[in-house]
Amino acid sequence: MAADMSGWPGRVIVRIVLLSRWAMVPLFLGLAFALALLVVAFAARLWAFALQIFSLSETAVIMELLNLIDLVLVGGLMVIVIQSGYENFVEQIDRRQAPESPAWMMRISFFELKLKLFASLMAISGITLLKALMRLETDVSETQVRWLMAASVLFLAAYAVLAFTERFAGTSRRAE
């Protein structure tokens, strides 16, 4: 009987820890709602762009296109975080019950997920830097551009370190 009493607190703690993953569900649902808002923002921006297309300069057209691309990249990043986050932290998605689920979700590793996230962040950072460079003569300071360049280099370095460590870890796992 004493063994049962000493074991139940451990089982309760494990049960609480395992159930705590469900606290992530409202966060993923919130991101899904935010993604819907992003779609609305994209549509509004696209509509406004279409209405002024003939009065915009070439530079302004490029800036608007970069803004739209930026929104698309953020949306893609959100989809990756929502779907893979749910699958990694809450529960596996049964592919038989979700045939519309993308094929990449079934075969993506945690390392590949990190690479996709870093690639998205680097693309967003690159577009932000490009937009700043285009506005350099009007309303962006050289200091701001330097910080954006530093952030881009930092993302690139982190991406390289991540790829290197995964390759090194993969090589040592195969050697064992």
N, C-alpha and C. Protein backbone atom coordinates (compact mmCIF):
# COMPACT_ATOMS: atom_id res chain seq x y z
N MET A 1 0.81 -1.19 0.00
CA MET A 1 0.00 0.00 0.00
C MET A 1 0.86 1.26 0.00
N ALA A 2 1.97 1.23 0.74
CA ALA A 2 2.86 2.39 0.77
C ALA A 2 3.44 2.65 -0.61
N ALA A 3 3.72 1.58 -1.37
CA ALA A 3 4.26 1.77 -2.72
C ALA A 3 3.25 2.48 -3.61
N ASP A 4 1.96 2.18 -3.45
CA ASP A 4 0.92 2.84 -4.24
C ASP A 4 0.84 4.32 -3.88
N MET A 5 0.95 4.66 -2.60
CA MET A 5 0.87 6.05 -2.17
C MET A 5 2.06 6.87 -2.69
N SER A 6 3.22 6.24 -2.71
CA SER A 6 4.39 6.99 -3.18
C SER A 6 4.38 7.12 -4.70
N GLY A 7 3.66 6.24 -5.39
CA GLY A 7 3.63 6.27 -6.85
C GLY A 7 2.59 7.23 -7.41
N TRP A 8 1.52 7.47 -6.67
CA TRP A 8 0.45 8.30 -7.24
C TRP A 8 0.86 9.74 -7.48
N PRO A 9 1.69 10.37 -6.62
CA PRO A 9 2.06 11.76 -6.96
C PRO A 9 2.83 11.83 -8.28
N GLY A 10 3.69 10.86 -8.51
CA GLY A 10 4.45 10.84 -9.76
C GLY A 10 3.53 10.68 -10.96
N ARG A 11 2.54 9.80 -10.85
CA ARG A 11 1.59 9.59 -11.95
C ARG A 11 0.75 10.85 -12.19
N VAL A 12 0.37 11.53 -11.12
CA VAL A 12 -0.40 12.76 -11.27
C VAL A 12 0.43 13.84 -11.97
N ILE A 13 1.68 13.96 -11.57
CA ILE A 13 2.56 14.95 -12.18
C ILE A 13 2.74 14.65 -13.67
N VAL A 14 2.99 13.39 -13.99
CA VAL A 14 3.16 13.01 -15.39
C VAL A 14 1.88 13.31 -16.17
N ARG A 15 0.74 13.00 -15.58
CA ARG A 15 -0.55 13.26 -16.26
C ARG A 15 -0.74 14.76 -16.51
N ILE A 16 -0.41 15.58 -15.52
CA ILE A 16 -0.53 17.04 -15.67
C ILE A 16 0.41 17.54 -16.76
N VAL A 17 1.64 17.05 -16.76
CA VAL A 17 2.61 17.47 -17.77
C VAL A 17 2.12 17.08 -19.16
N LEU A 18 1.62 15.87 -19.31
CA LEU A 18 1.13 15.43 -20.61
C LEU A 18 -0.10 16.21 -21.05
N LEU A 19 -0.98 16.53 -20.13
CA LEU A 19 -2.17 17.30 -20.47
C LEU A 19 -1.85 18.77 -20.77
N SER A 20 -0.73 19.27 -20.24
CA SER A 20 -0.39 20.68 -20.42
C SER A 20 -0.17 21.04 -21.88
N ARG A 21 0.15 20.06 -22.71
CA ARG A 21 0.35 20.36 -24.13
C ARG A 21 -0.91 20.91 -24.77
N TRP A 22 -2.08 20.57 -24.22
CA TRP A 22 -3.34 21.06 -24.78
C TRP A 22 -3.53 22.55 -24.53
N ALA A 23 -2.73 23.12 -23.65
CA ALA A 23 -2.78 24.57 -23.44
C ALA A 23 -2.28 25.32 -24.68
N MET A 24 -1.57 24.62 -25.56
CA MET A 24 -1.08 25.23 -26.80
C MET A 24 -2.19 25.41 -27.84
N VAL A 25 -3.25 24.61 -27.75
CA VAL A 25 -4.31 24.65 -28.77
C VAL A 25 -4.91 26.04 -28.93
N PRO A 26 -5.28 26.75 -27.86
CA PRO A 26 -5.81 28.11 -28.07
C PRO A 26 -4.80 29.04 -28.75
N LEU A 27 -3.52 28.82 -28.50
CA LEU A 27 -2.50 29.64 -29.15
C LEU A 27 -2.47 29.37 -30.66
N PHE A 28 -2.54 28.10 -31.05
CA PHE A 28 -2.56 27.77 -32.48
C PHE A 28 -3.85 28.27 -33.13
N LEU A 29 -4.97 28.18 -32.41
CA LEU A 29 -6.23 28.72 -32.95
C LEU A 29 -6.14 30.24 -33.11
N GLY A 30 -5.50 30.89 -32.16
CA GLY A 30 -5.29 32.34 -32.27
C GLY A 30 -4.43 32.69 -33.47
N LEU A 31 -3.40 31.89 -33.72
CA LEU A 31 -2.58 32.13 -34.91
C LEU A 31 -3.37 31.89 -36.19
N ALA A 32 -4.26 30.88 -36.18
CA ALA A 32 -5.10 30.63 -37.36
C ALA A 32 -6.02 31.84 -37.61
N PHE A 33 -6.56 32.41 -36.55
CA PHE A 33 -7.40 33.62 -36.68
C PHE A 33 -6.56 34.79 -37.19
N ALA A 34 -5.34 34.93 -36.65
CA ALA A 34 -4.44 35.99 -37.10
C ALA A 34 -4.09 35.81 -38.58
N LEU A 35 -3.97 34.56 -39.03
CA LEU A 35 -3.70 34.28 -40.44
C LEU A 35 -4.88 34.75 -41.30
N ALA A 36 -6.10 34.52 -40.81
CA ALA A 36 -7.28 35.01 -41.53
C ALA A 36 -7.26 36.55 -41.61
N LEU A 37 -6.85 37.20 -40.53
CA LEU A 37 -6.73 38.67 -40.55
C LEU A 37 -5.65 39.12 -41.53
N LEU A 38 -4.58 38.35 -41.61
CA LEU A 38 -3.51 38.67 -42.56
C LEU A 38 -4.02 38.57 -44.00
N VAL A 39 -4.87 37.59 -44.27
CA VAL A 39 -5.47 37.46 -45.60
C VAL A 39 -6.32 38.69 -45.91
N VAL A 40 -7.08 39.15 -44.94
CA VAL A 40 -7.90 40.36 -45.12
C VAL A 40 -6.99 41.56 -45.38
N ALA A 41 -5.91 41.68 -44.60
CA ALA A 41 -4.97 42.79 -44.80
C ALA A 41 -4.33 42.72 -46.18
N PHE A 42 -3.99 41.52 -46.63
CA PHE A 42 -3.41 41.34 -47.96
C PHE A 42 -4.40 41.79 -49.03
N ALA A 43 -5.65 41.33 -48.91
CA ALA A 43 -6.68 41.69 -49.90
C ALA A 43 -6.89 43.21 -49.93
N ALA A 44 -6.93 43.85 -48.77
CA ALA A 44 -7.12 45.30 -48.71
C ALA A 44 -5.94 46.01 -49.36
N ARG A 45 -4.74 45.54 -49.07
CA ARG A 45 -3.53 46.17 -49.64
C ARG A 45 -3.50 45.97 -51.15
N LEU A 46 -3.85 44.77 -51.61
CA LEU A 46 -3.88 44.49 -53.04
C LEU A 46 -4.91 45.36 -53.76
N TRP A 47 -6.07 45.50 -53.14
CA TRP A 47 -7.12 46.33 -53.73
C TRP A 47 -6.68 47.79 -53.83
N ALA A 48 -6.10 48.31 -52.75
CA ALA A 48 -5.61 49.69 -52.76
C ALA A 48 -4.52 49.87 -53.81
N PHE A 49 -3.65 48.89 -53.94
CA PHE A 49 -2.58 48.92 -54.93
C PHE A 49 -3.17 48.94 -56.35
N ALA A 50 -4.17 48.09 -56.58
CA ALA A 50 -4.80 48.02 -57.90
C ALA A 50 -5.47 49.36 -58.27
N LEU A 51 -6.07 50.00 -57.28
CA LEU A 51 -6.75 51.27 -57.55
C LEU A 51 -5.79 52.40 -57.91
N GLN A 52 -4.55 52.34 -57.39
CA GLN A 52 -3.61 53.43 -57.65
C GLN A 52 -2.51 53.06 -58.64
N ILE A 53 -2.59 51.90 -59.25
CA ILE A 53 -1.49 51.40 -60.07
C ILE A 53 -1.04 52.40 -61.14
N PHE A 54 -1.97 53.12 -61.75
CA PHE A 54 -1.61 54.03 -62.85
C PHE A 54 -1.02 55.35 -62.37
N SER A 55 -1.15 55.63 -61.09
CA SER A 55 -0.60 56.89 -60.58
C SER A 55 0.70 56.69 -59.80
N LEU A 56 1.16 55.46 -59.68
CA LEU A 56 2.37 55.18 -58.91
C LEU A 56 3.62 55.21 -59.78
N SER A 57 4.70 55.64 -59.19
CA SER A 57 6.00 55.58 -59.88
C SER A 57 6.48 54.13 -59.91
N GLU A 58 7.50 53.89 -60.69
CA GLU A 58 8.07 52.54 -60.77
C GLU A 58 8.57 52.08 -59.41
N THR A 59 9.21 52.96 -58.69
CA THR A 59 9.71 52.62 -57.35
C THR A 59 8.56 52.30 -56.41
N ALA A 60 7.49 53.07 -56.47
CA ALA A 60 6.33 52.82 -55.61
C ALA A 60 5.66 51.48 -55.95
N VAL A 61 5.62 51.13 -57.23
CA VAL A 61 5.07 49.83 -57.63
C VAL A 61 5.91 48.70 -57.04
N ILE A 62 7.22 48.83 -57.16
CA ILE A 62 8.11 47.81 -56.60
C ILE A 62 7.93 47.71 -55.09
N MET A 63 7.82 48.85 -54.42
CA MET A 63 7.62 48.85 -52.96
C MET A 63 6.32 48.14 -52.59
N GLU A 64 5.26 48.41 -53.31
CA GLU A 64 3.97 47.75 -53.03
C GLU A 64 4.07 46.25 -53.27
N LEU A 65 4.75 45.86 -54.35
CA LEU A 65 4.93 44.43 -54.61
C LEU A 65 5.74 43.77 -53.50
N LEU A 66 6.77 44.45 -53.02
CA LEU A 66 7.57 43.92 -51.91
C LEU A 66 6.73 43.79 -50.64
N ASN A 67 5.84 44.76 -50.42
CA ASN A 67 4.95 44.67 -49.26
C ASN A 67 4.04 43.45 -49.37
N LEU A 68 3.52 43.20 -50.57
CA LEU A 68 2.65 42.02 -50.77
C LEU A 68 3.44 40.73 -50.58
N ILE A 69 4.66 40.69 -51.12
CA ILE A 69 5.51 39.50 -50.94
C ILE A 69 5.80 39.28 -49.46
N ASP A 70 6.07 40.36 -48.76
CA ASP A 70 6.33 40.28 -47.32
C ASP A 70 5.14 39.64 -46.58
N LEU A 71 3.93 40.08 -46.92
CA LEU A 71 2.74 39.51 -46.29
C LEU A 71 2.59 38.03 -46.61
N VAL A 72 2.89 37.65 -47.84
CA VAL A 72 2.81 36.24 -48.23
C VAL A 72 3.82 35.40 -47.45
N LEU A 73 5.04 35.92 -47.31
CA LEU A 73 6.07 35.18 -46.57
C LEU A 73 5.68 35.02 -45.09
N VAL A 74 5.14 36.07 -44.51
CA VAL A 74 4.69 35.98 -43.11
C VAL A 74 3.55 34.95 -42.99
N GLY A 75 2.64 34.96 -43.97
CA GLY A 75 1.56 33.98 -43.96
C GLY A 75 2.08 32.55 -44.06
N GLY A 76 3.05 32.34 -44.94
CA GLY A 76 3.66 31.01 -45.06
C GLY A 76 4.34 30.58 -43.77
N LEU A 77 5.03 31.52 -43.14
CA LEU A 77 5.68 31.24 -41.86
C LEU A 77 4.64 30.86 -40.81
N MET A 78 3.51 31.55 -40.81
CA MET A 78 2.45 31.24 -39.85
C MET A 78 1.88 29.84 -40.09
N VAL A 79 1.69 29.47 -41.36
CA VAL A 79 1.17 28.13 -41.67
C VAL A 79 2.13 27.06 -41.16
N ILE A 80 3.42 27.26 -41.40
CA ILE A 80 4.42 26.30 -40.92
C ILE A 80 4.35 26.18 -39.40
N VAL A 81 4.31 27.30 -38.72
CA VAL A 81 4.27 27.29 -37.25
C VAL A 81 2.99 26.63 -36.73
N ILE A 82 1.86 26.97 -37.32
CA ILE A 82 0.58 26.42 -36.86
C ILE A 82 0.53 24.91 -37.06
N GLN A 83 0.76 24.47 -38.30
CA GLN A 83 0.61 23.05 -38.59
C GLN A 83 1.68 22.19 -37.94
N SER A 84 2.92 22.57 -38.11
CA SER A 84 3.97 21.74 -37.53
C SER A 84 4.02 21.88 -36.02
N GLY A 85 3.70 23.06 -35.51
CA GLY A 85 3.66 23.24 -34.05
C GLY A 85 2.61 22.36 -33.42
N TYR A 86 1.43 22.32 -34.02
CA TYR A 86 0.37 21.46 -33.49
C TYR A 86 0.83 20.00 -33.51
N GLU A 87 1.41 19.61 -34.63
CA GLU A 87 1.83 18.21 -34.77
C GLU A 87 2.99 17.88 -33.83
N ASN A 88 3.90 18.81 -33.63
CA ASN A 88 5.06 18.53 -32.77
C ASN A 88 4.74 18.62 -31.28
N PHE A 89 3.82 19.51 -30.90
CA PHE A 89 3.62 19.76 -29.49
C PHE A 89 2.29 19.26 -28.93
N VAL A 90 1.29 19.07 -29.76
CA VAL A 90 -0.02 18.66 -29.25
C VAL A 90 -0.29 17.20 -29.59
N GLU A 91 -0.49 16.90 -30.86
CA GLU A 91 -0.70 15.51 -31.25
C GLU A 91 -0.50 15.34 -32.74
N GLN A 92 -0.16 14.12 -33.14
CA GLN A 92 -0.03 13.78 -34.55
C GLN A 92 -1.36 13.96 -35.25
N ILE A 93 -1.32 14.44 -36.46
CA ILE A 93 -2.53 14.57 -37.27
C ILE A 93 -2.72 13.25 -38.01
N ASP A 94 -3.89 12.66 -37.86
CA ASP A 94 -4.20 11.41 -38.55
C ASP A 94 -4.47 11.75 -40.02
N ARG A 95 -3.58 11.33 -40.89
CA ARG A 95 -3.67 11.69 -42.31
C ARG A 95 -4.92 11.11 -42.98
N ARG A 96 -5.45 10.03 -42.44
CA ARG A 96 -6.69 9.47 -43.02
C ARG A 96 -7.87 10.40 -42.76
N GLN A 97 -7.83 11.12 -41.64
CA GLN A 97 -8.92 12.05 -41.31
C GLN A 97 -8.67 13.44 -41.89
N ALA A 98 -7.47 13.67 -42.39
CA ALA A 98 -7.13 14.98 -42.95
C ALA A 98 -6.41 14.79 -44.29
N PRO A 99 -7.12 14.27 -45.30
CA PRO A 99 -6.44 14.02 -46.59
C PRO A 99 -5.96 15.29 -47.28
N GLU A 100 -6.53 16.44 -46.91
CA GLU A 100 -6.09 17.71 -47.51
C GLU A 100 -4.80 18.22 -46.91
N SER A 101 -4.30 17.53 -45.91
CA SER A 101 -3.05 17.93 -45.26
C SER A 101 -1.89 17.85 -46.26
N PRO A 102 -1.03 18.87 -46.27
CA PRO A 102 0.08 18.87 -47.24
C PRO A 102 1.00 17.66 -47.05
N ALA A 103 1.52 17.15 -48.15
CA ALA A 103 2.39 15.98 -48.10
C ALA A 103 3.67 16.26 -47.30
N TRP A 104 4.17 17.50 -47.34
CA TRP A 104 5.41 17.80 -46.62
C TRP A 104 5.26 17.63 -45.12
N MET A 105 4.03 17.76 -44.63
CA MET A 105 3.81 17.62 -43.19
C MET A 105 4.12 16.20 -42.72
N MET A 106 3.96 15.22 -43.60
CA MET A 106 4.19 13.84 -43.20
C MET A 106 5.67 13.50 -43.17
N ARG A 107 6.48 14.21 -43.90
CA ARG A 107 7.87 13.80 -44.01
C ARG A 107 8.88 14.84 -43.50
N ILE A 108 8.41 15.94 -42.93
CA ILE A 108 9.33 16.98 -42.47
C ILE A 108 9.86 16.62 -41.08
N SER A 109 11.16 16.73 -40.93
CA SER A 109 11.78 16.49 -39.63
C SER A 109 11.84 17.81 -38.86
N PHE A 110 12.15 17.72 -37.58
CA PHE A 110 12.24 18.94 -36.78
C PHE A 110 13.36 19.82 -37.31
N PHE A 111 14.46 19.21 -37.76
CA PHE A 111 15.56 19.97 -38.34
C PHE A 111 15.10 20.70 -39.60
N GLU A 112 14.39 20.00 -40.48
CA GLU A 112 13.91 20.63 -41.71
C GLU A 112 12.93 21.76 -41.39
N LEU A 113 12.13 21.58 -40.34
CA LEU A 113 11.23 22.64 -39.92
C LEU A 113 12.03 23.88 -39.51
N LYS A 114 13.08 23.68 -38.74
CA LYS A 114 13.91 24.82 -38.32
C LYS A 114 14.53 25.50 -39.54
N LEU A 115 14.97 24.72 -40.53
CA LEU A 115 15.54 25.31 -41.73
C LEU A 115 14.49 26.12 -42.50
N LYS A 116 13.26 25.59 -42.59
CA LYS A 116 12.18 26.32 -43.27
C LYS A 116 11.89 27.64 -42.55
N LEU A 117 11.85 27.58 -41.23
CA LEU A 117 11.60 28.79 -40.46
C LEU A 117 12.71 29.82 -40.67
N PHE A 118 13.97 29.36 -40.60
CA PHE A 118 15.08 30.28 -40.82
C PHE A 118 15.06 30.84 -42.23
N ALA A 119 14.76 30.00 -43.22
CA ALA A 119 14.71 30.48 -44.61
C ALA A 119 13.62 31.55 -44.76
N SER A 120 12.47 31.33 -44.15
CA SER A 120 11.40 32.33 -44.20
C SER A 120 11.84 33.63 -43.52
N LEU A 121 12.45 33.51 -42.36
CA LEU A 121 12.92 34.70 -41.65
C LEU A 121 13.99 35.44 -42.45
N MET A 122 14.88 34.70 -43.11
CA MET A 122 15.91 35.35 -43.93
C MET A 122 15.27 36.06 -45.12
N ALA A 123 14.27 35.45 -45.73
CA ALA A 123 13.60 36.09 -46.87
C ALA A 123 12.88 37.36 -46.42
N ILE A 124 12.19 37.30 -45.30
CA ILE A 124 11.50 38.48 -44.76
C ILE A 124 12.51 39.58 -44.44
N SER A 125 13.62 39.19 -43.81
CA SER A 125 14.67 40.15 -43.49
C SER A 125 15.26 40.76 -44.75
N GLY A 126 15.47 39.95 -45.78
CA GLY A 126 16.01 40.45 -47.05
C GLY A 126 15.07 41.44 -47.72
N ILE A 127 13.78 41.15 -47.69
CA ILE A 127 12.80 42.06 -48.30
C ILE A 127 12.74 43.37 -47.51
N THR A 128 12.78 43.26 -46.19
CA THR A 128 12.78 44.47 -45.35
C THR A 128 14.01 45.32 -45.66
N LEU A 129 15.16 44.67 -45.82
CA LEU A 129 16.39 45.40 -46.16
C LEU A 129 16.27 46.04 -47.54
N LEU A 130 15.73 45.31 -48.51
CA LEU A 130 15.55 45.86 -49.85
C LEU A 130 14.62 47.08 -49.84
N LYS A 131 13.52 46.98 -49.08
CA LYS A 131 12.61 48.13 -48.98
C LYS A 131 13.32 49.32 -48.34
N ALA A 132 14.13 49.07 -47.32
CA ALA A 132 14.85 50.16 -46.67
C ALA A 132 15.86 50.79 -47.62
N LEU A 133 16.55 49.97 -48.39
CA LEU A 133 17.52 50.50 -49.35
C LEU A 133 16.83 51.37 -50.40
N MET A 134 15.63 50.97 -50.79
CA MET A 134 14.89 51.77 -51.78
C MET A 134 14.41 53.09 -51.19
N ARG A 135 14.24 53.15 -49.88
CA ARG A 135 13.77 54.38 -49.22
C ARG A 135 14.93 55.14 -48.57
N LEU A 136 16.15 54.71 -48.84
CA LEU A 136 17.33 55.29 -48.19
C LEU A 136 17.43 56.80 -48.41
N GLU A 137 17.10 57.26 -49.58
CA GLU A 137 17.23 58.69 -49.88
C GLU A 137 16.10 59.53 -49.30
N THR A 138 15.00 58.89 -48.91
CA THR A 138 13.84 59.67 -48.45
C THR A 138 13.62 59.61 -46.94
N ASP A 139 13.47 58.42 -46.38
CA ASP A 139 13.09 58.39 -44.96
C ASP A 139 13.73 57.27 -44.12
N VAL A 140 14.80 56.69 -44.61
CA VAL A 140 15.50 55.66 -43.84
C VAL A 140 16.93 56.11 -43.64
N SER A 141 17.42 56.00 -42.43
CA SER A 141 18.79 56.42 -42.15
C SER A 141 19.78 55.29 -42.47
N GLU A 142 21.01 55.69 -42.66
CA GLU A 142 22.06 54.70 -42.91
C GLU A 142 22.22 53.77 -41.71
N THR A 143 22.00 54.29 -40.52
CA THR A 143 22.09 53.46 -39.31
C THR A 143 21.04 52.36 -39.33
N GLN A 144 19.82 52.71 -39.73
CA GLN A 144 18.76 51.70 -39.82
C GLN A 144 19.13 50.62 -40.84
N VAL A 145 19.69 51.03 -41.96
CA VAL A 145 20.10 50.06 -42.98
C VAL A 145 21.20 49.16 -42.44
N ARG A 146 22.14 49.74 -41.71
CA ARG A 146 23.21 48.93 -41.12
C ARG A 146 22.64 47.89 -40.15
N TRP A 147 21.68 48.28 -39.34
CA TRP A 147 21.06 47.33 -38.41
C TRP A 147 20.32 46.23 -39.16
N LEU A 148 19.63 46.59 -40.23
CA LEU A 148 18.94 45.59 -41.03
C LEU A 148 19.94 44.64 -41.69
N MET A 149 21.06 45.18 -42.15
CA MET A 149 22.10 44.32 -42.74
C MET A 149 22.68 43.40 -41.68
N ALA A 150 22.90 43.92 -40.49
CA ALA A 150 23.43 43.09 -39.40
C ALA A 150 22.45 41.97 -39.06
N ALA A 151 21.15 42.28 -39.04
CA ALA A 151 20.15 41.26 -38.77
C ALA A 151 20.15 40.19 -39.85
N SER A 152 20.28 40.60 -41.10
CA SER A 152 20.32 39.64 -42.21
C SER A 152 21.54 38.73 -42.10
N VAL A 153 22.68 39.32 -41.81
CA VAL A 153 23.91 38.52 -41.64
C VAL A 153 23.76 37.58 -40.46
N LEU A 154 23.14 38.05 -39.38
CA LEU A 154 22.93 37.21 -38.21
C LEU A 154 22.04 36.01 -38.54
N PHE A 155 20.95 36.25 -39.29
CA PHE A 155 20.09 35.14 -39.71
C PHE A 155 20.86 34.15 -40.57
N LEU A 156 21.68 34.66 -41.47
CA LEU A 156 22.46 33.80 -42.35
C LEU A 156 23.47 32.98 -41.55
N ALA A 157 24.13 33.62 -40.60
CA ALA A 157 25.10 32.90 -39.76
C ALA A 157 24.41 31.83 -38.92
N ALA A 158 23.26 32.18 -38.34
CA ALA A 158 22.52 31.19 -37.53
C ALA A 158 22.07 30.02 -38.39
N TYR A 159 21.64 30.30 -39.61
CA TYR A 159 21.23 29.25 -40.55
C TYR A 159 22.41 28.33 -40.85
N ALA A 160 23.58 28.91 -41.11
CA ALA A 160 24.78 28.13 -41.41
C ALA A 160 25.19 27.28 -40.21
N VAL A 161 25.15 27.86 -39.02
CA VAL A 161 25.49 27.11 -37.81
C VAL A 161 24.52 25.96 -37.60
N LEU A 162 23.23 26.22 -37.79
CA LEU A 162 22.22 25.18 -37.65
C LEU A 162 22.47 24.04 -38.63
N ALA A 163 22.73 24.37 -39.89
CA ALA A 163 22.99 23.34 -40.90
C ALA A 163 24.26 22.57 -40.58
N PHE A 164 25.31 23.29 -40.15
CA PHE A 164 26.57 22.63 -39.81
C PHE A 164 26.39 21.68 -38.62
N THR A 165 25.72 22.13 -37.57
CA THR A 165 25.55 21.28 -36.39
C THR A 165 24.69 20.06 -36.71
N GLU A 166 23.68 20.24 -37.54
CA GLU A 166 22.85 19.09 -37.91
C GLU A 166 23.66 18.09 -38.74
N ARG A 167 24.46 18.59 -39.65
CA ARG A 167 25.29 17.70 -40.46
C ARG A 167 26.27 16.96 -39.57
N PHE A 168 26.90 17.69 -38.62
CA PHE A 168 27.85 17.08 -37.70
C PHE A 168 27.16 16.05 -36.82
N ALA A 169 26.00 16.40 -36.29
CA ALA A 169 25.24 15.47 -35.44
C ALA A 169 24.77 14.26 -36.25
N GLY A 170 24.34 14.49 -37.47
CA GLY A 170 23.91 13.39 -38.33
C GLY A 170 25.06 12.45 -38.66
N THR A 171 26.26 13.00 -38.88
CA THR A 171 27.44 12.19 -39.16
C THR A 171 27.81 11.37 -37.93
N SER A 172 27.77 11.97 -36.72
CA SER A 172 28.13 11.21 -35.53
C SER A 172 27.08 10.16 -35.21
N ARG A 173 25.81 10.44 -35.50
CA ARG A 173 24.78 9.42 -35.26
C ARG A 173 24.97 8.23 -36.17
N ARG A 174 25.36 8.48 -37.43
CA ARG A 174 25.58 7.39 -38.36
C ARG A 174 26.80 6.58 -37.99
N ALA A 175 27.82 7.24 -37.40
CA ALA A 175 29.06 6.54 -37.03
C ALA A 175 28.86 5.61 -35.84
N GLU A 176 27.84 5.88 -35.01
CA GLU A 176 27.64 5.06 -33.82
C GLU A 176 27.07 3.72 -34.12
